[in-house]
Amino acid sequence: MKATGIVRRIDDLGRVVVPKEIRRTLRIREGDPLEIYTDREGQIILKKYSPVGELGEFARQYAESLAQTTGNVICITDRDQIIAVSGGSRKDMLMKPISTQLENLIEERENITATREERRFVPITQGEEEFQAQAISPIICEGDAIGSVIITTKEPKKHFGETEQKLTLSAAGFLGKQMEN
């Protein structure tokens, strides 16, 4: 564990304010759920809760099935990172933070289909990528945008259309329903 040197008091309602610098660094937004853990030494540990992350193995299997069917790279994300990848290099993408642009797309609940040349094309992660086309749909659960399903490819001059967009919509809808159950 890393010490921050920040000390906060508990108010009369039992609340503690998480400092803005820490919230910004860990990408914790107002309304984000946090899990509370305790250990044997009496420490309290707060961890960002990822509802999509609970679908980990199921999301991975779903991504594999979609990748086999489409021949493309499939990514499933929560609001912070990629939680499942298939059809591409897993180690290069799995658990990597998503880009701010993708985070905003999820928050705005936008579905997009785009090629790299188009203005609405968004990077998936914060690093350099070689993807040429993408179809993205947000995962909605009980009215909250909790992640996304992405179909993408590195093949040059490939365009995605209605089929890929419907596949991402269908997958996102299915995963959202799984979270509600």
Protein backbone atom coordinates (compact mmCIF):
# COMPACT_ATOMS: atom_id res chain seq x y z
CA MET A 1 0.00 0.00 0.00
CA LYS A 2 1.22 3.51 -0.81
CA ALA A 3 0.92 6.31 1.77
CA THR A 4 -0.46 9.62 0.47
CA GLY A 5 0.17 11.76 3.54
CA ILE A 6 -3.47 12.92 3.43
CA VAL A 7 -5.53 12.70 6.62
CA ARG A 8 -9.32 13.13 6.69
CA ARG A 9 -11.78 13.17 9.60
CA ILE A 10 -15.03 11.24 9.68
CA ASP A 11 -18.03 13.56 9.96
CA ASP A 12 -21.02 13.05 12.26
CA LEU A 13 -22.78 10.96 9.59
CA GLY A 14 -19.78 8.62 9.21
CA ARG A 15 -18.63 10.08 5.88
CA VAL A 16 -15.08 10.58 4.67
CA VAL A 17 -14.17 12.78 1.71
CA VAL A 18 -11.84 11.16 -0.80
CA PRO A 19 -9.51 13.98 -1.93
CA LYS A 20 -9.94 15.35 -5.44
CA GLU A 21 -6.36 14.48 -6.44
CA ILE A 22 -6.92 10.82 -5.57
CA ARG A 23 -10.33 10.74 -7.31
CA ARG A 24 -8.79 12.24 -10.45
CA THR A 25 -5.80 9.88 -10.44
CA LEU A 26 -7.99 6.79 -9.92
CA ARG A 27 -10.73 8.10 -12.28
CA ILE A 28 -13.38 7.99 -9.58
CA ARG A 29 -16.40 10.07 -10.53
CA GLU A 30 -19.37 11.27 -8.51
CA GLY A 31 -21.80 8.39 -8.19
CA ASP A 32 -19.20 5.66 -8.83
CA PRO A 33 -19.69 2.62 -6.59
CA LEU A 34 -16.83 1.66 -4.26
CA GLU A 35 -16.35 -1.71 -2.57
CA ILE A 36 -15.27 -1.66 1.06
CA TYR A 37 -12.83 -4.27 2.38
CA THR A 38 -11.19 -4.71 5.76
CA ASP A 39 -8.09 -6.68 6.68
CA ARG A 40 -6.82 -8.31 9.85
CA GLU A 41 -4.76 -5.24 10.80
CA GLY A 42 -7.91 -3.08 10.95
CA GLN A 43 -7.31 -1.29 7.65
CA ILE A 44 -10.21 -0.19 5.47
CA ILE A 45 -9.65 -0.56 1.75
CA LEU A 46 -11.82 1.15 -0.86
CA LYS A 47 -11.81 -0.32 -4.34
CA LYS A 48 -13.65 0.86 -7.44
CA TYR A 49 -16.47 -1.55 -8.10
CA SER A 50 -16.91 -2.80 -11.66
CA PRO A 51 -20.25 -4.50 -12.21
CA VAL A 52 -19.13 -5.64 -15.67
CA GLY A 53 -15.98 -7.06 -14.07
CA GLU A 54 -18.18 -9.56 -12.23
CA LEU A 55 -19.02 -11.02 -15.63
CA GLY A 56 -15.29 -11.62 -16.25
CA GLU A 57 -15.30 -15.24 -17.46
CA PHE A 58 -18.72 -14.92 -19.08
CA ALA A 59 -17.62 -11.73 -20.91
CA ARG A 60 -14.44 -13.47 -22.08
CA GLN A 61 -16.43 -16.40 -23.48
CA TYR A 62 -18.89 -14.06 -25.17
CA ALA A 63 -15.99 -12.10 -26.73
CA GLU A 64 -14.41 -15.36 -27.98
CA SER A 65 -17.68 -16.44 -29.57
CA LEU A 66 -18.11 -13.08 -31.33
CA ALA A 67 -14.48 -13.08 -32.49
CA GLN A 68 -14.84 -16.58 -33.96
CA THR A 69 -18.06 -15.59 -35.73
CA THR A 70 -16.85 -12.25 -37.13
CA GLY A 71 -13.09 -12.81 -37.52
CA ASN A 72 -12.51 -9.44 -35.84
CA VAL A 73 -11.07 -8.23 -32.55
CA ILE A 74 -13.69 -8.03 -29.78
CA CYS A 75 -13.22 -5.95 -26.63
CA ILE A 76 -15.57 -5.71 -23.67
CA THR A 77 -14.91 -2.84 -21.27
CA ASP A 78 -16.21 -1.45 -18.04
CA ARG A 79 -16.02 2.32 -17.58
CA ASP A 80 -12.30 2.20 -16.79
CA GLN A 81 -10.55 -0.67 -18.52
CA ILE A 82 -10.79 -3.56 -20.97
CA ILE A 83 -12.06 -6.63 -19.12
CA ALA A 84 -12.22 -9.13 -22.01
CA VAL A 85 -10.45 -9.38 -25.37
CA SER A 86 -10.58 -11.97 -28.11
CA GLY A 87 -9.34 -12.17 -31.68
CA GLY A 88 -6.32 -10.01 -30.93
CA SER A 89 -3.36 -9.79 -28.65
CA ARG A 90 -4.87 -10.28 -25.18
CA LYS A 91 -1.77 -9.36 -23.24
CA ASP A 92 -1.46 -6.05 -25.10
CA MET A 93 -4.99 -4.92 -24.27
CA LEU A 94 -6.47 -6.82 -21.32
CA MET A 95 -6.86 -4.64 -18.20
CA LYS A 96 -5.51 -1.56 -20.00
CA PRO A 97 -7.26 1.73 -19.17
CA ILE A 98 -9.69 2.90 -21.82
CA SER A 99 -9.22 6.27 -23.52
CA THR A 100 -10.96 9.39 -22.28
CA GLN A 101 -12.78 9.58 -25.62
CA LEU A 102 -14.19 6.06 -25.18
CA GLU A 103 -15.09 6.85 -21.58
CA ASN A 104 -17.04 9.91 -22.81
CA LEU A 105 -18.73 7.84 -25.54
CA ILE A 106 -19.93 5.35 -22.91
CA GLU A 107 -21.12 8.16 -20.64
CA GLU A 108 -23.03 9.78 -23.55
CA ARG A 109 -24.49 6.35 -24.49
CA GLU A 110 -23.46 6.74 -28.10
CA ASN A 111 -23.35 3.91 -30.63
CA ILE A 112 -20.81 4.49 -33.37
CA THR A 113 -19.49 2.81 -36.47
CA ALA A 114 -16.42 4.53 -37.91
CA THR A 115 -13.16 4.13 -39.80
CA ARG A 116 -9.85 5.66 -38.76
CA GLU A 117 -10.26 8.47 -41.31
CA GLU A 118 -13.53 9.65 -39.76
CA ARG A 119 -13.68 12.31 -37.06
CA ARG A 120 -15.90 10.25 -34.77
CA PHE A 121 -13.35 7.37 -34.64
CA VAL A 122 -12.15 6.99 -31.02
CA PRO A 123 -9.03 5.30 -29.63
CA ILE A 124 -9.90 2.34 -27.42
CA THR A 125 -6.95 2.61 -25.03
CA GLN A 126 -4.67 5.45 -24.07
CA GLY A 127 -1.76 3.98 -26.06
CA GLU A 128 -0.97 3.83 -29.76
CA GLU A 129 -3.30 1.57 -31.76
CA GLU A 130 -3.39 0.25 -35.29
CA PHE A 131 -7.15 -0.31 -35.56
CA GLN A 132 -8.74 0.79 -38.82
CA ALA A 133 -12.50 0.35 -38.23
CA GLN A 134 -14.76 0.01 -35.21
CA ALA A 135 -18.32 -0.51 -34.05
CA ILE A 136 -19.01 0.45 -30.42
CA SER A 137 -22.13 0.15 -28.26
CA PRO A 138 -22.48 1.02 -24.56
CA ILE A 139 -23.65 -1.60 -22.06
CA ILE A 140 -26.67 -0.25 -20.17
CA CYS A 141 -27.79 -1.87 -16.91
CA GLU A 142 -30.75 -0.54 -14.94
CA GLY A 143 -30.39 2.82 -16.68
CA ASP A 144 -26.65 3.19 -16.02
CA ALA A 145 -23.95 3.09 -18.71
CA ILE A 146 -21.50 0.55 -17.26
CA GLY A 147 -19.21 -0.39 -20.15
CA SER A 148 -19.05 -1.12 -23.86
CA VAL A 149 -18.79 -3.82 -26.51
CA ILE A 150 -16.37 -3.09 -29.34
CA ILE A 151 -15.80 -4.84 -32.65
CA THR A 152 -12.63 -3.60 -34.33
CA THR A 153 -10.08 -4.62 -36.93
CA LYS A 154 -6.53 -3.82 -38.00
CA GLU A 155 -7.31 -4.67 -41.64
CA PRO A 156 -6.74 -1.60 -43.80
CA LYS A 157 -9.64 -0.28 -45.90
CA LYS A 158 -12.18 -2.43 -44.06
CA HIS A 159 -15.49 -0.71 -43.30
CA PHE A 160 -18.03 -1.81 -40.74
CA GLY A 161 -21.72 -1.33 -41.33
CA GLU A 162 -25.12 -2.20 -39.99
CA THR A 163 -24.23 -5.85 -39.29
CA GLU A 164 -21.34 -5.03 -36.94
CA GLN A 165 -23.35 -2.27 -35.25
CA LYS A 166 -26.25 -4.67 -34.63
CA LEU A 167 -23.84 -7.28 -33.26
CA THR A 168 -22.43 -4.79 -30.73
CA LEU A 169 -25.95 -3.60 -29.82
CA SER A 170 -27.10 -7.19 -29.33
CA ALA A 171 -24.05 -8.13 -27.24
CA ALA A 172 -24.31 -4.96 -25.13
CA GLY A 173 -28.02 -5.53 -24.56
CA PHE A 174 -27.44 -9.15 -23.57
CA LEU A 175 -24.60 -8.30 -21.16
CA GLY A 176 -26.69 -5.49 -19.63
CA LYS A 177 -29.56 -7.95 -19.02
CA GLN A 178 -27.14 -10.45 -17.45
CA MET A 179 -26.07 -7.77 -14.96
CA GLU A 180 -29.70 -7.14 -13.97
CA ASN A 181 -30.28 -10.82 -13.11
